[in-house]
Amino acid sequence: MAINDADYPNGQPNQDVKLAAMGFDGSGHRGGGIDRLQVQLLPMNAVLLRLHKPVEKAGDHPGDFGTWWFTPYEYRRICGHFGVDGSLLVASRAQGKSALHGTLALLQEWYGGSSSQLSYVNAVRLKEPLWACYGPGAPANSDGYARTLKPVKLSGGTSARQIYIHQAWNYQTSMVRLLAPNASTDAVFGQSGGLPATVSQAPRLAFES
């Protein structure tokens, strides 16, 4: 039994979860999200990564336990595609021009051009199973559909697969931190070889190919 079964009656996401995972907002505009959505049960001991910016004030979300995550296997796919380790993936991050910005299809207007975007990385290991939405990232669109940013295609012709955990901050006690709080993306990815081995070498999950 997963601890977020209430969000997945009969093993399928409820309407709010599904729409949010597919990138739809309350007005019906789709600004990104997951393409070809799948429902997957993340097993106990699964390792997940999340990139985030500083939380401006107490009680704000998403922060380090927000809804969007990816796996170490996907991180290795990204590194393999660009032929670089983690340090070069974040080059020009402060200008919004890093490889990770293109891989995750982040439109500048979403984050106001803030140089703090993607400035922190969180890595966790699950203590309990969790339901999640999973699949390749969809193109990002501005609110007026004036701009579309297509995510970089990796090997196999798919964009980076992302994981959506609805209101993940409610499940912090079921996650073990593998990095210090507010670990700097530049410092962590700037280490030789990128992330620590406990994270970067985490095994592929059963549904990953």
N, C-alpha and C. Protein backbone atom coordinates (compact mmCIF):
# COMPACT_ATOMS: atom_id res chain seq x y z
N MET A 1 0.84 -1.20 0.00
CA MET A 1 0.00 0.00 0.00
C MET A 1 0.88 1.25 0.00
N ALA A 2 0.60 2.18 -0.90
CA ALA A 2 1.34 3.44 -0.96
C ALA A 2 0.74 4.45 0.01
N ILE A 3 1.56 5.36 0.49
CA ILE A 3 1.06 6.31 1.48
C ILE A 3 0.21 7.40 0.86
N ASN A 4 0.21 7.50 -0.47
CA ASN A 4 -0.64 8.50 -1.13
C ASN A 4 -1.74 7.84 -1.96
N ASP A 5 -2.25 6.71 -1.49
CA ASP A 5 -3.33 6.01 -2.20
C ASP A 5 -4.53 6.91 -2.45
N ALA A 6 -4.79 7.87 -1.56
CA ALA A 6 -5.97 8.72 -1.71
C ALA A 6 -5.94 9.53 -3.00
N ASP A 7 -4.74 9.83 -3.49
CA ASP A 7 -4.62 10.58 -4.75
C ASP A 7 -4.79 9.69 -5.98
N TYR A 8 -4.80 8.37 -5.77
CA TYR A 8 -4.84 7.41 -6.88
C TYR A 8 -5.91 6.34 -6.65
N PRO A 9 -7.18 6.73 -6.65
CA PRO A 9 -8.23 5.73 -6.49
C PRO A 9 -8.16 4.69 -7.60
N ASN A 10 -8.22 3.42 -7.23
CA ASN A 10 -8.12 2.32 -8.19
C ASN A 10 -6.83 2.35 -9.00
N GLY A 11 -5.79 2.92 -8.39
CA GLY A 11 -4.49 2.94 -9.04
C GLY A 11 -4.33 3.97 -10.15
N GLN A 12 -5.29 4.88 -10.28
CA GLN A 12 -5.22 5.93 -11.30
C GLN A 12 -5.31 7.30 -10.64
N PRO A 13 -4.62 8.30 -11.20
CA PRO A 13 -4.65 9.62 -10.55
C PRO A 13 -6.04 10.24 -10.59
N ASN A 14 -6.42 10.92 -9.51
CA ASN A 14 -7.67 11.66 -9.58
C ASN A 14 -7.51 12.81 -10.56
N GLN A 15 -8.59 13.47 -10.88
CA GLN A 15 -8.56 14.46 -11.96
C GLN A 15 -7.59 15.60 -11.66
N ASP A 16 -7.56 16.08 -10.43
CA ASP A 16 -6.67 17.19 -10.09
C ASP A 16 -5.20 16.79 -10.27
N VAL A 17 -4.86 15.59 -9.82
CA VAL A 17 -3.48 15.12 -9.94
C VAL A 17 -3.12 14.95 -11.41
N LYS A 18 -4.00 14.34 -12.19
CA LYS A 18 -3.72 14.10 -13.60
C LYS A 18 -3.51 15.40 -14.36
N LEU A 19 -4.38 16.38 -14.15
CA LEU A 19 -4.27 17.64 -14.87
C LEU A 19 -2.99 18.38 -14.48
N ALA A 20 -2.66 18.36 -13.19
CA ALA A 20 -1.44 19.04 -12.73
C ALA A 20 -0.19 18.37 -13.32
N ALA A 21 -0.19 17.04 -13.34
CA ALA A 21 0.96 16.31 -13.88
C ALA A 21 1.13 16.54 -15.37
N MET A 22 0.03 16.78 -16.07
CA MET A 22 0.09 17.04 -17.50
C MET A 22 0.35 18.51 -17.82
N GLY A 23 0.49 19.34 -16.76
CA GLY A 23 0.87 20.73 -16.95
C GLY A 23 -0.27 21.71 -17.13
N PHE A 24 -1.50 21.31 -16.86
CA PHE A 24 -2.64 22.22 -17.01
C PHE A 24 -2.83 23.05 -15.74
N ASP A 25 -3.10 24.34 -15.91
CA ASP A 25 -3.42 25.17 -14.76
C ASP A 25 -4.94 25.30 -14.63
N GLY A 26 -5.37 26.11 -13.66
CA GLY A 26 -6.80 26.22 -13.39
C GLY A 26 -7.61 26.79 -14.53
N SER A 27 -6.97 27.54 -15.43
CA SER A 27 -7.69 28.13 -16.57
C SER A 27 -7.72 27.21 -17.78
N GLY A 28 -7.04 26.05 -17.68
CA GLY A 28 -7.02 25.12 -18.80
C GLY A 28 -5.83 25.28 -19.71
N HIS A 29 -4.93 26.23 -19.40
CA HIS A 29 -3.73 26.41 -20.20
C HIS A 29 -2.72 25.32 -19.85
N ARG A 30 -2.10 24.75 -20.88
CA ARG A 30 -1.08 23.74 -20.66
C ARG A 30 0.29 24.35 -20.87
N GLY A 31 1.08 24.36 -19.81
CA GLY A 31 2.38 25.01 -19.88
C GLY A 31 3.56 24.06 -19.82
N GLY A 32 3.35 22.80 -20.06
CA GLY A 32 4.45 21.84 -19.98
C GLY A 32 3.94 20.51 -19.44
N GLY A 33 4.53 20.06 -18.35
CA GLY A 33 4.07 18.82 -17.73
C GLY A 33 4.61 17.58 -18.40
N ILE A 34 3.89 16.48 -18.22
CA ILE A 34 4.32 15.17 -18.71
C ILE A 34 3.54 14.80 -19.96
N ASP A 35 4.26 14.31 -20.94
CA ASP A 35 3.66 13.79 -22.15
C ASP A 35 3.56 12.27 -22.03
N ARG A 36 2.51 11.67 -22.60
CA ARG A 36 2.31 10.21 -22.55
C ARG A 36 2.42 9.70 -21.11
N LEU A 37 1.60 10.27 -20.26
CA LEU A 37 1.65 10.02 -18.82
C LEU A 37 1.43 8.56 -18.47
N GLN A 38 2.26 8.05 -17.58
CA GLN A 38 2.10 6.72 -16.99
C GLN A 38 1.95 6.88 -15.48
N VAL A 39 1.29 5.90 -14.86
CA VAL A 39 1.25 5.83 -13.40
C VAL A 39 2.21 4.74 -12.96
N GLN A 40 3.11 5.09 -12.05
CA GLN A 40 4.10 4.13 -11.56
C GLN A 40 4.13 4.15 -10.04
N LEU A 41 4.38 3.00 -9.46
CA LEU A 41 4.57 2.91 -8.02
C LEU A 41 6.07 2.99 -7.74
N LEU A 42 6.48 4.06 -7.10
CA LEU A 42 7.88 4.22 -6.74
C LEU A 42 8.16 3.34 -5.53
N PRO A 43 9.10 2.41 -5.62
CA PRO A 43 9.29 1.45 -4.53
C PRO A 43 10.07 2.05 -3.37
N MET A 44 9.97 1.41 -2.23
CA MET A 44 10.81 1.77 -1.10
C MET A 44 12.27 1.69 -1.53
N ASN A 45 13.08 2.61 -1.08
CA ASN A 45 14.50 2.75 -1.38
C ASN A 45 14.78 3.37 -2.74
N ALA A 46 13.75 3.76 -3.48
CA ALA A 46 13.99 4.49 -4.73
C ALA A 46 14.67 5.81 -4.39
N VAL A 47 15.61 6.21 -5.23
CA VAL A 47 16.33 7.47 -5.06
C VAL A 47 15.82 8.47 -6.09
N LEU A 48 15.53 9.68 -5.63
CA LEU A 48 14.98 10.73 -6.50
C LEU A 48 15.78 12.01 -6.34
N LEU A 49 15.80 12.80 -7.41
CA LEU A 49 16.49 14.09 -7.43
C LEU A 49 15.49 15.20 -7.73
N ARG A 50 15.76 16.36 -7.16
CA ARG A 50 14.93 17.52 -7.44
C ARG A 50 15.80 18.77 -7.47
N LEU A 51 15.58 19.61 -8.49
CA LEU A 51 16.25 20.90 -8.59
C LEU A 51 15.27 21.99 -8.20
N HIS A 52 15.74 22.96 -7.44
CA HIS A 52 14.80 24.00 -6.99
C HIS A 52 15.55 25.30 -6.70
N LYS A 53 14.77 26.35 -6.51
CA LYS A 53 15.34 27.64 -6.14
C LYS A 53 15.04 27.91 -4.66
N PRO A 54 15.62 28.93 -4.07
CA PRO A 54 15.37 29.20 -2.65
C PRO A 54 13.90 29.49 -2.39
N VAL A 55 13.44 29.10 -1.21
CA VAL A 55 12.09 29.46 -0.77
C VAL A 55 12.17 30.87 -0.19
N GLU A 56 11.30 31.74 -0.67
CA GLU A 56 11.39 33.15 -0.28
C GLU A 56 10.95 33.40 1.16
N LYS A 57 9.93 32.67 1.62
CA LYS A 57 9.47 32.87 2.99
C LYS A 57 8.91 31.57 3.54
N ALA A 58 8.89 31.46 4.87
CA ALA A 58 8.44 30.23 5.53
C ALA A 58 7.02 29.87 5.09
N GLY A 59 6.81 28.58 4.84
CA GLY A 59 5.49 28.10 4.43
C GLY A 59 5.27 28.08 2.95
N ASP A 60 6.19 28.67 2.19
CA ASP A 60 6.07 28.65 0.73
C ASP A 60 6.33 27.24 0.20
N HIS A 61 5.71 26.93 -0.91
CA HIS A 61 5.99 25.70 -1.64
C HIS A 61 6.30 26.11 -3.09
N PRO A 62 7.05 25.33 -3.83
CA PRO A 62 7.41 23.95 -3.54
C PRO A 62 8.70 23.77 -2.77
N GLY A 63 9.76 24.56 -3.08
CA GLY A 63 11.01 24.37 -2.37
C GLY A 63 11.62 23.01 -2.60
N ASP A 64 12.34 22.51 -1.58
CA ASP A 64 13.11 21.28 -1.79
C ASP A 64 12.24 20.03 -1.86
N PHE A 65 11.01 20.10 -1.35
CA PHE A 65 10.10 18.95 -1.44
C PHE A 65 8.89 19.30 -2.30
N GLY A 66 9.17 19.82 -3.48
CA GLY A 66 8.11 20.15 -4.42
C GLY A 66 7.65 18.94 -5.22
N THR A 67 6.88 19.19 -6.27
CA THR A 67 6.20 18.11 -6.97
C THR A 67 7.01 17.46 -8.08
N TRP A 68 8.01 18.16 -8.64
CA TRP A 68 8.72 17.65 -9.81
C TRP A 68 10.09 17.06 -9.44
N TRP A 69 10.34 15.82 -9.89
CA TRP A 69 11.55 15.08 -9.56
C TRP A 69 12.03 14.32 -10.80
N PHE A 70 13.26 13.79 -10.73
CA PHE A 70 13.73 12.85 -11.74
C PHE A 70 14.66 11.85 -11.05
N THR A 71 15.05 10.83 -11.77
CA THR A 71 15.82 9.75 -11.15
C THR A 71 17.31 9.85 -11.52
N PRO A 72 18.17 9.20 -10.73
CA PRO A 72 19.59 9.14 -11.09
C PRO A 72 19.83 8.52 -12.47
N TYR A 73 19.00 7.55 -12.86
CA TYR A 73 19.15 6.97 -14.19
C TYR A 73 18.91 8.03 -15.26
N GLU A 74 17.92 8.87 -15.04
CA GLU A 74 17.64 9.93 -16.01
C GLU A 74 18.78 10.95 -16.01
N TYR A 75 19.33 11.20 -14.85
CA TYR A 75 20.51 12.08 -14.76
C TYR A 75 21.65 11.51 -15.59
N ARG A 76 21.86 10.21 -15.53
CA ARG A 76 22.93 9.59 -16.31
C ARG A 76 22.63 9.68 -17.81
N ARG A 77 21.36 9.57 -18.19
CA ARG A 77 20.98 9.75 -19.60
C ARG A 77 21.32 11.16 -20.08
N ILE A 78 21.04 12.15 -19.23
CA ILE A 78 21.32 13.54 -19.60
C ILE A 78 22.82 13.75 -19.76
N CYS A 79 23.60 13.25 -18.79
CA CYS A 79 25.06 13.37 -18.88
C CYS A 79 25.58 12.68 -20.14
N GLY A 80 25.06 11.48 -20.43
CA GLY A 80 25.51 10.74 -21.60
C GLY A 80 25.18 11.45 -22.89
N HIS A 81 24.01 12.09 -22.94
CA HIS A 81 23.62 12.81 -24.17
C HIS A 81 24.58 13.95 -24.46
N PHE A 82 24.92 14.71 -23.44
CA PHE A 82 25.79 15.87 -23.65
C PHE A 82 27.27 15.50 -23.59
N GLY A 83 27.57 14.29 -23.12
CA GLY A 83 28.96 13.86 -23.04
C GLY A 83 29.76 14.60 -22.01
N VAL A 84 29.10 15.04 -20.93
CA VAL A 84 29.78 15.81 -19.89
C VAL A 84 29.34 15.30 -18.52
N ASP A 85 30.12 15.68 -17.50
CA ASP A 85 29.69 15.36 -16.15
C ASP A 85 28.79 16.48 -15.63
N GLY A 86 28.40 16.38 -14.37
CA GLY A 86 27.43 17.32 -13.83
C GLY A 86 27.86 18.76 -13.84
N SER A 87 29.17 19.03 -13.70
CA SER A 87 29.62 20.42 -13.61
C SER A 87 29.28 21.21 -14.86
N LEU A 88 29.40 20.60 -16.03
CA LEU A 88 29.11 21.30 -17.27
C LEU A 88 27.62 21.38 -17.56
N LEU A 89 26.83 20.54 -16.93
CA LEU A 89 25.38 20.62 -17.13
C LEU A 89 24.82 21.91 -16.55
N VAL A 90 25.49 22.48 -15.55
CA VAL A 90 24.98 23.70 -14.92
C VAL A 90 25.74 24.94 -15.35
N ALA A 91 26.67 24.81 -16.30
CA ALA A 91 27.36 25.99 -16.81
C ALA A 91 26.34 26.97 -17.38
N SER A 92 26.46 28.22 -17.05
CA SER A 92 25.54 29.30 -17.47
C SER A 92 24.16 29.17 -16.82
N ARG A 93 24.10 28.46 -15.69
CA ARG A 93 22.82 28.31 -14.99
C ARG A 93 22.23 29.65 -14.58
N ALA A 94 23.08 30.55 -14.03
CA ALA A 94 22.59 31.83 -13.53
C ALA A 94 21.98 32.69 -14.64
N GLN A 95 22.36 32.45 -15.88
CA GLN A 95 21.80 33.21 -17.01
C GLN A 95 20.61 32.49 -17.64
N GLY A 96 20.21 31.35 -17.05
CA GLY A 96 19.08 30.60 -17.59
C GLY A 96 19.39 29.87 -18.87
N LYS A 97 20.68 29.61 -19.13
CA LYS A 97 21.09 29.01 -20.40
C LYS A 97 21.83 27.69 -20.21
N SER A 98 21.66 27.06 -19.06
CA SER A 98 22.37 25.79 -18.82
C SER A 98 21.73 24.66 -19.61
N ALA A 99 22.47 23.57 -19.74
CA ALA A 99 21.93 22.38 -20.40
C ALA A 99 20.69 21.88 -19.68
N LEU A 100 20.67 22.02 -18.36
CA LEU A 100 19.50 21.56 -17.60
C LEU A 100 18.27 22.41 -17.89
N HIS A 101 18.44 23.71 -18.14
CA HIS A 101 17.29 24.54 -18.52
C HIS A 101 16.67 24.03 -19.82
N GLY A 102 17.53 23.67 -20.78
CA GLY A 102 17.02 23.17 -22.05
C GLY A 102 16.43 21.78 -21.94
N THR A 103 17.05 20.95 -21.11
CA THR A 103 16.55 19.59 -20.93
C THR A 103 15.18 19.59 -20.28
N LEU A 104 14.98 20.48 -19.30
CA LEU A 104 13.72 20.54 -18.57
C LEU A 104 12.74 21.54 -19.17
N ALA A 105 13.12 22.20 -20.26
CA ALA A 105 12.25 23.14 -20.98
C ALA A 105 11.66 24.18 -20.05
N LEU A 106 12.54 24.96 -19.43
CA LEU A 106 12.11 26.01 -18.51
C LEU A 106 12.07 27.35 -19.23
N LEU A 107 10.87 27.90 -19.37
CA LEU A 107 10.71 29.21 -19.97
C LEU A 107 11.12 30.30 -18.98
N GLN A 108 11.83 31.27 -19.45
CA GLN A 108 12.32 32.33 -18.57
C GLN A 108 11.18 33.04 -17.85
N GLU A 109 10.05 33.22 -18.54
CA GLU A 109 8.95 33.95 -17.90
C GLU A 109 8.33 33.19 -16.73
N TRP A 110 8.55 31.88 -16.68
CA TRP A 110 8.03 31.11 -15.55
C TRP A 110 8.69 31.50 -14.24
N TYR A 111 9.97 31.85 -14.32
CA TYR A 111 10.70 32.15 -13.08
C TYR A 111 11.26 33.57 -13.08
N GLY A 112 10.75 34.40 -13.98
CA GLY A 112 11.11 35.80 -13.99
C GLY A 112 12.56 36.09 -14.27
N GLY A 113 13.25 35.15 -14.91
CA GLY A 113 14.66 35.36 -15.21
C GLY A 113 15.56 35.35 -14.00
N SER A 114 15.06 34.88 -12.87
CA SER A 114 15.85 34.89 -11.63
C SER A 114 17.08 33.99 -11.76
N SER A 115 18.23 34.52 -11.38
CA SER A 115 19.46 33.74 -11.44
C SER A 115 19.49 32.63 -10.39
N SER A 116 18.51 32.63 -9.48
CA SER A 116 18.46 31.58 -8.44
C SER A 116 17.79 30.30 -8.92
N GLN A 117 17.20 30.32 -10.13
CA GLN A 117 16.53 29.13 -10.64
C GLN A 117 17.49 27.94 -10.71
N LEU A 118 17.04 26.79 -10.21
CA LEU A 118 17.83 25.55 -10.19
C LEU A 118 19.09 25.68 -9.33
N SER A 119 19.08 26.58 -8.38
CA SER A 119 20.31 26.83 -7.61
C SER A 119 20.55 25.79 -6.51
N TYR A 120 19.53 25.02 -6.16
CA TYR A 120 19.69 23.99 -5.14
C TYR A 120 19.28 22.62 -5.70
N VAL A 121 19.85 21.58 -5.12
CA VAL A 121 19.48 20.21 -5.50
C VAL A 121 19.15 19.42 -4.23
N ASN A 122 18.08 18.66 -4.29
CA ASN A 122 17.70 17.77 -3.20
C ASN A 122 17.76 16.34 -3.73
N ALA A 123 18.22 15.43 -2.91
CA ALA A 123 18.25 14.00 -3.26
C ALA A 123 17.70 13.23 -2.06
N VAL A 124 16.78 12.32 -2.33
CA VAL A 124 16.14 11.58 -1.24
C VAL A 124 16.06 10.10 -1.58
N ARG A 125 15.91 9.29 -0.54
CA ARG A 125 15.61 7.86 -0.68
C ARG A 125 14.28 7.62 0.02
N LEU A 126 13.35 6.94 -0.67
CA LEU A 126 12.03 6.71 -0.12
C LEU A 126 12.05 5.64 0.96
N LYS A 127 11.37 5.91 2.06
CA LYS A 127 11.22 4.92 3.13
C LYS A 127 9.96 4.09 2.94
N GLU A 128 9.04 4.58 2.08
CA GLU A 128 7.77 3.90 1.80
C GLU A 128 7.44 4.08 0.33
N PRO A 129 6.66 3.16 -0.24
CA PRO A 129 6.26 3.32 -1.64
C PRO A 129 5.35 4.54 -1.84
N LEU A 130 5.44 5.12 -3.02
CA LEU A 130 4.62 6.28 -3.38
C LEU A 130 4.14 6.13 -4.82
N TRP A 131 2.87 6.44 -5.05
CA TRP A 131 2.37 6.54 -6.41
C TRP A 131 2.90 7.83 -7.04
N ALA A 132 3.16 7.80 -8.33
CA ALA A 132 3.62 8.99 -9.04
C ALA A 132 3.21 8.92 -10.50
N CYS A 133 3.13 10.10 -11.12
CA CYS A 133 2.97 10.20 -12.57
C CYS A 133 4.35 10.30 -13.18
N TYR A 134 4.53 9.66 -14.33
CA TYR A 134 5.87 9.52 -14.91
C TYR A 134 5.79 9.60 -16.42
N GLY A 135 6.79 10.23 -17.02
CA GLY A 135 6.85 10.25 -18.48
C GLY A 135 7.72 11.37 -18.98
N PRO A 136 7.95 11.44 -20.30
CA PRO A 136 8.80 12.48 -20.88
C PRO A 136 8.17 13.86 -20.74
N GLY A 137 9.03 14.86 -20.57
CA GLY A 137 8.55 16.23 -20.46
C GLY A 137 7.93 16.71 -21.77
N ALA A 138 6.83 17.45 -21.64
CA ALA A 138 6.14 18.01 -22.80
C ALA A 138 6.70 19.39 -23.11
N PRO A 139 6.49 19.90 -24.33
CA PRO A 139 6.92 21.26 -24.64
C PRO A 139 6.31 22.27 -23.68
N ALA A 140 7.09 23.29 -23.35
CA ALA A 140 6.62 24.35 -22.47
C ALA A 140 6.03 25.48 -23.29
N ASN A 141 4.92 26.03 -22.82
CA ASN A 141 4.26 27.13 -23.52
C ASN A 141 4.06 28.29 -22.57
N SER A 142 4.24 29.51 -23.08
CA SER A 142 3.94 30.69 -22.28
C SER A 142 2.43 30.81 -22.12
N ASP A 143 2.00 31.65 -21.19
CA ASP A 143 0.57 31.77 -20.89
C ASP A 143 -0.26 32.12 -22.13
N GLY A 144 0.30 32.95 -23.00
CA GLY A 144 -0.44 33.33 -24.19
C GLY A 144 -0.11 32.50 -25.41
N TYR A 145 0.60 31.39 -25.19
CA TYR A 145 1.04 30.50 -26.28
C TYR A 145 1.90 31.24 -27.30
N ALA A 146 2.48 32.38 -26.89
CA ALA A 146 3.32 33.13 -27.82
C ALA A 146 4.66 32.45 -28.01
N ARG A 147 5.09 31.66 -27.02
CA ARG A 147 6.38 31.00 -27.10
C ARG A 147 6.22 29.53 -26.74
N THR A 148 6.94 28.69 -27.43
CA THR A 148 6.99 27.27 -27.12
C THR A 148 8.46 26.85 -27.07
N LEU A 149 8.81 26.16 -26.02
CA LEU A 149 10.17 25.65 -25.86
C LEU A 149 10.10 24.13 -25.79
N LYS A 150 10.68 23.47 -26.77
CA LYS A 150 10.66 22.02 -26.79
C LYS A 150 11.86 21.49 -26.01
N PRO A 151 11.63 20.53 -25.12
CA PRO A 151 12.76 19.99 -24.36
C PRO A 151 13.73 19.25 -25.27
N VAL A 152 14.99 19.27 -24.90
CA VAL A 152 16.03 18.59 -25.65
C VAL A 152 15.71 17.09 -25.72
N LYS A 153 15.82 16.51 -26.90
CA LYS A 153 15.62 15.07 -27.06
C LYS A 153 16.90 14.32 -26.70
N LEU A 154 16.78 13.34 -25.83
CA LEU A 154 17.93 12.54 -25.41
C LEU A 154 18.03 11.28 -26.27
N SER A 155 18.95 10.41 -25.95
CA SER A 155 19.08 9.15 -26.69
C SER A 155 17.77 8.40 -26.65
N GLY A 156 17.43 7.78 -27.77
CA GLY A 156 16.15 7.09 -27.86
C GLY A 156 15.04 8.00 -28.36
N GLY A 157 15.34 9.29 -28.56
CA GLY A 157 14.35 10.20 -29.12
C GLY A 157 13.33 10.74 -28.15
N THR A 158 13.54 10.56 -26.84
CA THR A 158 12.60 11.08 -25.85
C THR A 158 13.26 12.20 -25.05
N SER A 159 12.44 13.10 -24.56
CA SER A 159 12.95 14.11 -23.63
C SER A 159 13.13 13.45 -22.26
N ALA A 160 13.75 14.18 -21.35
CA ALA A 160 14.00 13.64 -20.01
C ALA A 160 12.68 13.23 -19.35
N ARG A 161 12.64 12.02 -18.81
CA ARG A 161 11.45 11.55 -18.11
C ARG A 161 11.40 12.17 -16.72
N GLN A 162 10.24 12.69 -16.36
CA GLN A 162 10.07 13.36 -15.09
C GLN A 162 9.04 12.64 -14.22
N ILE A 163 9.13 12.91 -12.94
CA ILE A 163 8.25 12.28 -11.95
C ILE A 163 7.48 13.38 -11.23
N TYR A 164 6.16 13.23 -11.19
CA TYR A 164 5.30 14.19 -10.50
C TYR A 164 4.71 13.51 -9.27
N ILE A 165 5.04 14.06 -8.09
CA ILE A 165 4.47 13.59 -6.83
C ILE A 165 3.60 14.70 -6.28
N HIS A 166 2.31 14.50 -6.29
CA HIS A 166 1.37 15.54 -5.90
C HIS A 166 1.59 15.93 -4.44
N GLN A 167 1.78 17.24 -4.21
CA GLN A 167 1.99 17.78 -2.86
C GLN A 167 3.03 16.96 -2.09
N ALA A 168 4.18 16.81 -2.71
CA ALA A 168 5.24 15.97 -2.14
C ALA A 168 5.66 16.43 -0.76
N TRP A 169 5.47 17.71 -0.44
CA TRP A 169 5.87 18.22 0.87
C TRP A 169 5.11 17.51 2.00
N ASN A 170 3.97 16.91 1.70
CA ASN A 170 3.22 16.18 2.73
C ASN A 170 3.88 14.85 3.10
N TYR A 171 4.87 14.42 2.32
CA TYR A 171 5.48 13.10 2.53
C TYR A 171 6.96 13.19 2.90
N GLN A 172 7.38 14.33 3.43
CA GLN A 172 8.79 14.51 3.78
C GLN A 172 9.27 13.48 4.79
N THR A 173 8.40 13.10 5.71
CA THR A 173 8.82 12.14 6.74
C THR A 173 9.04 10.74 6.16
N SER A 174 8.59 10.52 4.94
CA SER A 174 8.81 9.23 4.27
C SER A 174 10.00 9.27 3.31
N MET A 175 10.78 10.33 3.41
CA MET A 175 11.95 10.51 2.55
C MET A 175 13.18 10.79 3.41
N VAL A 176 14.28 10.13 3.09
CA VAL A 176 15.55 10.36 3.77
C VAL A 176 16.42 11.24 2.89
N ARG A 177 16.89 12.36 3.42
CA ARG A 177 17.78 13.23 2.66
C ARG A 177 19.13 12.54 2.43
N LEU A 178 19.64 12.66 1.21
CA LEU A 178 20.96 12.13 0.89
C LEU A 178 21.99 13.25 0.69
N LEU A 179 21.52 14.48 0.73
CA LEU A 179 22.38 15.65 0.67
C LEU A 179 21.98 16.60 1.79
N ALA A 180 22.86 17.49 2.14
CA ALA A 180 22.52 18.48 3.16
C ALA A 180 21.41 19.40 2.65
N PRO A 181 20.56 19.94 3.53
CA PRO A 181 19.53 20.88 3.08
C PRO A 181 20.16 22.06 2.32
N ASN A 182 19.47 22.50 1.30
CA ASN A 182 19.92 23.63 0.48
C ASN A 182 21.33 23.41 -0.07
N ALA A 183 21.57 22.20 -0.55
CA ALA A 183 22.85 21.91 -1.20
C ALA A 183 22.91 22.66 -2.53
N SER A 184 23.97 23.40 -2.75
CA SER A 184 24.12 24.20 -3.96
C SER A 184 24.27 23.31 -5.19
N THR A 185 23.48 23.60 -6.22
CA THR A 185 23.59 22.86 -7.48
C THR A 185 24.99 23.00 -8.06
N ASP A 186 25.52 24.22 -8.02
CA ASP A 186 26.85 24.45 -8.59
C ASP A 186 27.91 23.65 -7.85
N ALA A 187 27.80 23.59 -6.51
CA ALA A 187 28.80 22.86 -5.73
C ALA A 187 28.66 21.36 -5.91
N VAL A 188 27.42 20.85 -5.84
CA VAL A 188 27.19 19.40 -5.94
C VAL A 188 27.56 18.90 -7.33
N PHE A 189 27.04 19.55 -8.38
CA PHE A 189 27.35 19.12 -9.73
C PHE A 189 28.77 19.49 -10.13
N GLY A 190 29.37 20.40 -9.38
CA GLY A 190 30.73 20.81 -9.68
C GLY A 190 31.77 19.85 -9.15
N GLN A 191 31.36 18.89 -8.31
CA GLN A 191 32.31 17.89 -7.82
C GLN A 191 32.78 17.03 -8.99
N SER A 192 33.94 16.48 -8.85
CA SER A 192 34.45 15.57 -9.89
C SER A 192 33.49 14.41 -10.08
N GLY A 193 33.01 14.27 -11.32
CA GLY A 193 32.06 13.20 -11.60
C GLY A 193 30.63 13.53 -11.27
N GLY A 194 30.37 14.77 -10.79
CA GLY A 194 28.99 15.15 -10.53
C GLY A 194 28.52 14.76 -9.16
N LEU A 195 27.37 14.13 -9.06
CA LEU A 195 26.74 13.80 -7.79
C LEU A 195 27.53 12.73 -7.02
N PRO A 196 27.37 12.67 -5.69
CA PRO A 196 28.00 11.59 -4.91
C PRO A 196 27.56 10.22 -5.42
N ALA A 197 28.42 9.24 -5.26
CA ALA A 197 28.14 7.90 -5.78
C ALA A 197 26.86 7.31 -5.21
N THR A 198 26.53 7.62 -3.95
CA THR A 198 25.31 7.08 -3.34
C THR A 198 24.07 7.51 -4.10
N VAL A 199 24.16 8.63 -4.81
CA VAL A 199 23.03 9.12 -5.60
C VAL A 199 23.20 8.73 -7.07
N SER A 200 24.35 9.09 -7.64
CA SER A 200 24.53 8.91 -9.08
C SER A 200 24.53 7.45 -9.50
N GLN A 201 24.92 6.55 -8.60
CA GLN A 201 24.98 5.13 -8.95
C GLN A 201 23.78 4.33 -8.44
N ALA A 202 22.75 5.03 -8.00
CA ALA A 202 21.54 4.33 -7.57
C ALA A 202 21.00 3.48 -8.72
N PRO A 203 20.51 2.29 -8.44
CA PRO A 203 20.07 1.40 -9.53
C PRO A 203 18.86 1.94 -10.28
N ARG A 204 18.77 1.54 -11.53
CA ARG A 204 17.63 1.86 -12.37
C ARG A 204 16.37 1.26 -11.76
N LEU A 205 15.27 1.99 -11.82
CA LEU A 205 14.00 1.46 -11.34
C LEU A 205 13.41 0.50 -12.38
N ALA A 206 12.55 -0.39 -11.94
CA ALA A 206 12.05 -1.46 -12.81
C ALA A 206 11.35 -0.94 -14.05
N PHE A 207 10.70 0.23 -13.98
CA PHE A 207 9.94 0.74 -15.13
C PHE A 207 10.78 1.61 -16.05
N GLU A 208 12.05 1.84 -15.73
CA GLU A 208 12.91 2.66 -16.56
C GLU A 208 13.57 1.83 -17.65
N SER A 209 13.67 2.40 -18.85
CA SER A 209 14.29 1.68 -19.96
C SER A 209 15.18 2.60 -20.74
